[in-house]
Protein backbone atom coordinates (compact mmCIF):
# COMPACT_ATOMS: atom_id res chain seq x y z
CA MET A 1 -120.26 35.63 46.06
CA GLN A 2 -122.13 32.32 45.79
CA ASN A 3 -122.16 32.86 41.97
CA GLN A 4 -118.43 33.34 42.09
CA LYS A 5 -117.98 30.18 43.84
CA ARG A 6 -119.96 28.35 41.18
CA VAL A 7 -117.83 30.03 38.51
CA HIS A 8 -114.75 28.74 40.03
CA LEU A 9 -116.05 25.12 40.34
CA ALA A 10 -117.26 25.26 36.77
CA GLU A 11 -113.73 26.36 35.58
CA SER A 12 -112.30 23.54 37.75
CA GLY A 13 -114.68 21.21 35.95
CA LEU A 14 -113.56 22.44 32.56
CA PHE A 15 -109.94 22.05 33.43
CA LEU A 16 -110.74 18.46 34.21
CA VAL A 17 -112.49 18.10 30.82
CA THR A 18 -109.08 19.31 29.22
CA ILE A 19 -107.08 16.47 31.26
CA LEU A 20 -109.58 13.75 30.06
CA TRP A 21 -109.57 14.99 26.53
CA GLY A 22 -105.88 15.56 26.43
CA THR A 23 -105.49 11.59 26.72
CA SER A 24 -107.93 11.05 24.16
CA PHE A 25 -105.91 11.71 20.87
CA VAL A 26 -103.42 8.82 20.97
CA ILE A 27 -106.35 6.58 22.12
CA ILE A 28 -108.55 7.46 19.24
CA LYS A 29 -105.57 7.03 16.90
CA GLN A 30 -105.15 3.25 18.06
CA ALA A 31 -108.91 2.66 18.15
CA THR A 32 -109.53 3.83 14.61
CA ALA A 33 -106.89 1.21 13.50
CA LEU A 34 -109.25 -1.48 14.78
CA VAL A 35 -112.91 -0.08 14.47
CA GLU A 36 -114.03 2.21 11.63
CA PRO A 37 -115.05 6.06 12.99
CA GLY A 38 -118.73 5.53 12.53
CA TYR A 39 -119.02 2.28 14.51
CA LEU A 40 -116.45 3.66 17.05
CA LEU A 41 -118.34 6.80 17.84
CA GLY A 42 -121.79 4.78 17.69
CA ILE A 43 -120.75 2.51 20.49
CA ARG A 44 -119.00 5.25 22.31
CA PHE A 45 -121.75 7.74 22.54
CA LEU A 46 -124.81 5.08 22.91
CA PHE A 47 -122.90 3.54 25.76
CA ALA A 48 -122.32 6.87 27.46
CA ALA A 49 -126.07 7.85 26.76
CA VAL A 50 -127.36 4.81 28.43
CA MET A 51 -125.12 4.78 31.34
CA MET A 52 -125.99 8.50 31.90
CA ALA A 53 -129.66 8.08 31.54
CA LEU A 54 -129.60 5.18 34.22
CA ILE A 55 -127.47 7.22 36.71
CA PHE A 56 -129.82 10.52 36.08
CA HIS A 57 -133.05 8.96 35.25
CA LYS A 58 -134.95 11.45 37.22
CA ARG A 59 -133.53 14.25 34.87
CA LEU A 60 -135.62 12.78 31.95
CA LYS A 61 -138.74 14.15 33.57
CA LEU A 62 -137.46 17.65 32.70
CA LEU A 63 -137.72 16.89 28.94
CA THR A 64 -139.76 19.45 26.84
CA LEU A 65 -140.38 19.73 23.26
CA ASP A 66 -138.05 22.83 23.07
CA SER A 67 -135.36 21.04 24.97
CA LEU A 68 -135.60 18.07 22.42
CA LYS A 69 -135.34 20.36 19.47
CA PHE A 70 -132.46 22.12 20.94
CA SER A 71 -130.72 18.75 21.48
CA PHE A 72 -130.94 17.83 17.80
CA ILE A 73 -128.86 21.06 17.08
CA LEU A 74 -126.30 20.11 19.70
CA GLY A 75 -126.28 16.44 18.76
CA GLY A 76 -125.83 17.24 15.10
CA LEU A 77 -122.89 19.75 15.72
CA LEU A 78 -121.39 17.20 18.16
CA PHE A 79 -121.66 14.37 15.46
CA LEU A 80 -120.14 16.24 12.78
CA SER A 81 -117.22 17.38 15.17
CA TYR A 82 -116.21 14.12 16.39
CA TYR A 83 -116.93 12.18 13.00
CA LEU A 84 -114.88 14.66 11.03
CA GLN A 85 -112.05 14.51 13.86
CA THR A 86 -112.13 10.74 13.97
CA VAL A 87 -111.79 10.30 10.06
CA ALA A 88 -109.23 13.01 10.00
CA ILE A 89 -106.93 11.43 12.53
CA LYS A 90 -106.40 8.46 10.15
CA TYR A 91 -104.80 10.67 7.72
CA THR A 92 -102.74 13.15 9.89
CA THR A 93 -100.55 13.03 13.04
CA ALA A 94 -102.16 13.25 16.47
CA GLY A 95 -100.26 16.52 17.14
CA LYS A 96 -101.63 18.39 14.12
CA ASN A 97 -105.10 16.93 14.84
CA ALA A 98 -104.90 18.40 18.45
CA PHE A 99 -103.75 21.69 17.01
CA LEU A 100 -106.01 22.31 14.23
CA THR A 101 -108.96 21.22 16.23
CA THR A 102 -108.38 23.88 18.81
CA ILE A 103 -108.91 26.61 16.18
CA TYR A 104 -112.14 26.88 17.83
CA VAL A 105 -110.58 29.21 20.60
CA ILE A 106 -110.26 31.85 17.78
CA ILE A 107 -113.73 31.17 16.13
CA VAL A 108 -115.74 31.07 19.36
CA PRO A 109 -115.60 34.79 20.30
CA PHE A 110 -116.76 35.89 16.82
CA LEU A 111 -119.46 33.19 16.42
CA TYR A 112 -120.93 34.09 19.71
CA TRP A 113 -120.86 37.84 18.56
CA ILE A 114 -122.84 36.91 15.51
CA ILE A 115 -125.42 34.63 17.27
CA ARG A 116 -125.76 36.70 20.41
CA LYS A 117 -124.65 40.08 19.31
CA VAL A 118 -122.29 40.47 22.03
CA ARG A 119 -118.79 42.00 21.06
CA PRO A 120 -115.79 40.11 22.05
CA ARG A 121 -113.51 41.89 24.42
CA PRO A 122 -109.92 42.70 23.25
CA VAL A 123 -108.57 40.62 26.25
CA ASN A 124 -110.29 37.51 24.79
CA LEU A 125 -108.92 38.03 21.34
CA ILE A 126 -105.23 38.52 22.66
CA SER A 127 -105.41 35.61 24.88
CA ALA A 128 -106.77 33.24 22.08
CA PHE A 129 -103.91 34.63 19.98
CA PHE A 130 -101.19 33.61 22.44
CA CYS A 131 -103.04 30.39 23.28
CA ILE A 132 -103.06 29.25 19.54
CA ILE A 133 -99.29 30.10 19.08
CA GLY A 134 -98.51 28.11 22.23
CA ILE A 135 -100.53 25.21 20.86
CA ALA A 136 -98.76 25.41 17.46
CA LEU A 137 -95.31 25.17 19.18
CA ILE A 138 -96.39 22.04 21.26
CA SER A 139 -98.31 20.26 18.63
CA LEU A 140 -96.33 20.73 15.46
CA SER A 141 -92.93 19.21 14.55
CA GLY A 142 -90.61 19.94 11.67
CA ASP A 143 -89.64 23.20 10.00
CA SER A 144 -92.43 23.48 7.63
CA PHE A 145 -96.12 23.26 7.79
CA SER A 146 -98.23 21.64 5.02
CA LEU A 147 -101.96 20.76 4.82
CA ASN A 148 -103.22 17.38 3.71
CA PHE A 149 -106.72 15.98 3.41
CA GLY A 150 -107.00 14.90 7.09
CA ASP A 151 -105.81 18.48 8.12
CA PHE A 152 -108.57 20.10 6.24
CA LEU A 153 -111.11 17.80 7.73
CA THR A 154 -109.76 18.89 11.13
CA ILE A 155 -109.98 22.55 10.43
CA LEU A 156 -113.73 21.82 9.41
CA CYS A 157 -114.22 19.79 12.52
CA GLY A 158 -112.92 22.79 14.60
CA PHE A 159 -115.45 25.02 13.12
CA PHE A 160 -118.29 22.60 14.22
CA PHE A 161 -116.73 22.27 17.70
CA ALA A 162 -116.95 26.12 17.91
CA SER A 163 -120.42 26.14 16.96
CA HIS A 164 -121.30 23.46 19.53
CA ILE A 165 -119.42 25.29 22.39
CA VAL A 166 -121.46 28.44 21.48
CA PHE A 167 -124.87 26.61 21.16
CA LEU A 168 -124.23 24.39 24.45
CA SER A 169 -123.50 27.73 26.22
CA ILE A 170 -127.01 28.83 25.31
CA ALA A 171 -128.63 25.57 25.83
CA SER A 172 -127.05 25.04 29.44
CA ARG A 173 -128.46 28.29 30.46
CA GLN A 174 -132.11 27.45 29.36
CA TYR A 175 -132.35 23.76 30.01
CA ASP A 176 -130.93 21.17 32.46
CA PRO A 177 -127.15 20.62 31.35
CA ILE A 178 -127.34 16.84 32.31
CA LEU A 179 -130.52 16.17 30.34
CA MET A 180 -129.09 18.00 27.18
CA SER A 181 -125.90 15.74 27.56
CA ILE A 182 -128.05 12.55 27.59
CA LEU A 183 -130.07 13.81 24.64
CA GLN A 184 -127.22 14.87 22.51
CA PHE A 185 -125.23 11.48 23.26
CA PHE A 186 -128.25 9.61 22.16
CA ILE A 187 -128.33 11.61 18.81
CA VAL A 188 -124.73 11.31 18.19
CA GLY A 189 -124.79 7.69 18.74
CA ILE A 190 -127.75 7.23 16.34
CA LEU A 191 -126.38 9.28 13.62
CA SER A 192 -122.84 7.52 13.80
CA PHE A 193 -124.42 4.23 13.47
CA LEU A 194 -126.52 5.34 10.44
CA VAL A 195 -123.41 6.47 8.68
CA ALA A 196 -121.57 3.28 9.69
CA VAL A 197 -124.29 1.03 8.46
CA PHE A 198 -124.10 2.45 4.97
CA THR A 199 -120.38 3.21 4.59
CA GLU A 200 -118.49 0.99 6.78
CA PRO A 201 -117.72 -2.78 7.18
CA VAL A 202 -119.08 -4.35 10.26
CA PRO A 203 -116.28 -4.63 12.86
CA VAL A 204 -115.23 -7.65 14.61
CA LEU A 205 -114.95 -6.50 18.39
CA SER A 206 -112.31 -7.81 20.61
CA PRO A 207 -111.12 -7.00 24.20
CA ALA A 208 -108.26 -4.90 22.43
CA SER A 209 -110.73 -2.75 20.55
CA LEU A 210 -113.53 -2.56 23.23
CA LEU A 211 -111.14 -1.25 26.10
CA PRO A 212 -110.25 2.00 24.32
CA ILE A 213 -113.71 2.54 23.46
CA LEU A 214 -115.11 1.95 26.82
CA TYR A 215 -112.42 4.48 28.16
CA LEU A 216 -113.45 7.01 25.59
CA ALA A 217 -117.23 6.35 26.54
CA VAL A 218 -116.94 6.64 30.13
CA PHE A 219 -114.08 9.15 30.80
CA CYS A 220 -113.78 11.32 27.61
CA THR A 221 -117.70 11.25 26.88
CA MET A 222 -119.88 10.77 29.84
CA ILE A 223 -117.75 12.42 32.46
CA ALA A 224 -115.91 14.98 30.13
CA LEU A 225 -118.89 16.27 27.99
CA GLY A 226 -121.25 16.12 30.87
CA LEU A 227 -118.89 18.36 32.82
CA GLN A 228 -118.58 20.60 29.80
CA ALA A 229 -122.35 21.10 29.56
CA VAL A 230 -122.63 21.87 33.33
CA GLY A 231 -119.37 24.19 33.22
CA GLU A 232 -120.67 26.18 30.38
CA LYS A 233 -123.84 27.17 32.28
CA TYR A 234 -121.64 29.35 34.37
CA VAL A 235 -118.51 30.18 32.30
CA ASN A 236 -118.84 32.38 29.20
CA PRO A 237 -117.99 30.60 25.75
CA SER A 238 -114.76 32.39 24.96
CA LYS A 239 -113.38 31.55 28.48
CA ALA A 240 -114.61 28.04 28.24
CA SER A 241 -113.09 27.45 24.86
CA LEU A 242 -109.82 28.82 26.00
CA ILE A 243 -109.68 26.43 28.96
CA MET A 244 -110.63 23.39 26.82
CA SER A 245 -108.15 24.33 24.38
CA LEU A 246 -105.42 23.17 26.89
CA GLU A 247 -106.23 19.50 25.81
CA SER A 248 -103.38 19.64 23.34
CA LEU A 249 -101.12 20.85 26.21
CA ILE A 250 -102.31 18.08 28.51
CA GLY A 251 -101.69 15.42 25.68
CA CYS A 252 -98.21 16.63 25.35
CA ILE A 253 -97.39 16.68 29.06
CA SER A 254 -98.87 13.03 29.05
CA GLY A 255 -96.35 12.12 26.41
CA ILE A 256 -93.58 13.51 28.39
CA VAL A 257 -94.67 11.79 31.74
CA PHE A 258 -95.84 8.50 30.54
CA LEU A 259 -94.18 7.80 27.18
CA GLY A 260 -90.73 9.46 28.05
CA GLU A 261 -90.95 11.85 25.11
CA PRO A 262 -88.32 14.54 25.27
CA LEU A 263 -88.86 18.17 26.77
CA THR A 264 -87.57 20.71 24.27
CA ILE A 265 -87.13 24.17 24.30
CA LYS A 266 -89.93 24.65 21.79
CA LEU A 267 -92.29 22.82 24.27
CA VAL A 268 -91.17 25.08 27.13
CA ALA A 269 -91.80 28.24 25.00
CA GLY A 270 -95.27 26.72 24.06
CA PHE A 271 -96.05 26.12 27.68
CA ALA A 272 -95.06 29.78 28.32
CA MET A 273 -97.30 31.09 25.65
CA ILE A 274 -100.30 29.20 26.95
CA PHE A 275 -99.60 30.22 30.54
CA LEU A 276 -99.38 33.72 29.35
CA ALA A 277 -102.80 33.32 27.41
CA MET A 278 -104.33 32.22 30.59
CA LEU A 279 -103.00 34.97 32.70
CA ILE A 280 -104.21 37.58 30.09
CA SER A 281 -107.75 35.97 30.19
CA GLU A 282 -107.76 36.67 33.98
CA LEU A 283 -106.68 40.20 34.00
CA PRO A 284 -110.25 41.64 34.10
CA THR A 285 -110.88 39.59 37.33
CA ILE A 286 -107.56 40.40 38.78
CA LEU A 287 -107.51 44.19 38.05
CA SER A 288 -111.05 44.97 38.87
CA LYS A 289 -114.18 43.41 40.64
CA THR A 290 -116.41 42.98 37.66
CA GLY A 291 -118.69 40.22 39.08
CA PRO A 292 -118.96 36.63 38.18
CA ALA A 293 -117.32 35.63 35.00
CA SER A 294 -120.47 34.11 33.67
CA LYS A 295 -121.94 37.61 33.41
CA SER A 296 -119.09 39.16 31.71
CA GLU A 297 -118.91 39.55 27.94
CA PRO A 298 -117.47 36.49 26.27
């Protein structure tokens, strides 16, 4: 019973992650017009790492050689994910970037199967299928769908996001999630600055560029990714990826509420598809008492 409560709290935390991430696409689009991707990510992640290390400094005592090694894997995957996504959004629309990034909801069950030898359940695959259709209806506009350079980068970043979700799920069960968050933030920040120094002009920072970076650092990095690390300790990777894929839905709702964007039939259909996907993912829990979701198959 106690474990079930932890699972529900973890799922609630992951839903909060999607809300924070759902606000990030437009902000990243604006920020990359002022600061190059490498410097943007470097400032964002190092600020988040330092702040989190100061707040949770006692967790640093839990550092071991094994956790440090694992953090390099997490940090490398997270760097590739965010760097490719940040570069890609300069060449594609925020909607397509949001949609193509969330292909991880399809990749995660199979990747976890390869790494952990745990076969995905049919309910995971069915819910992922309906979810990706819903996200497509929400994110994409026009009658045709074509891919450009930015779109291919986004698809690649979706694969790295999927890899990060799977490895973070493993790491969060073996090591302290907060410690792993701090370590991976430092690694992403350092890698970002290394790339930026050799490939990008030094930015001239102003309040107009610092404010969105600080928002991304505090809310979309320190809080959101910290919650993700803790949440994946109790929620299986397939369910976690499904919940976090709702970021594009949140982004769409934000546009309707705050920017006055129109609510179309296609959007309503997309909402319905995603709701159906979430309902399908909960069927095993609803129909039978199989125990905590964290102990079920991903």
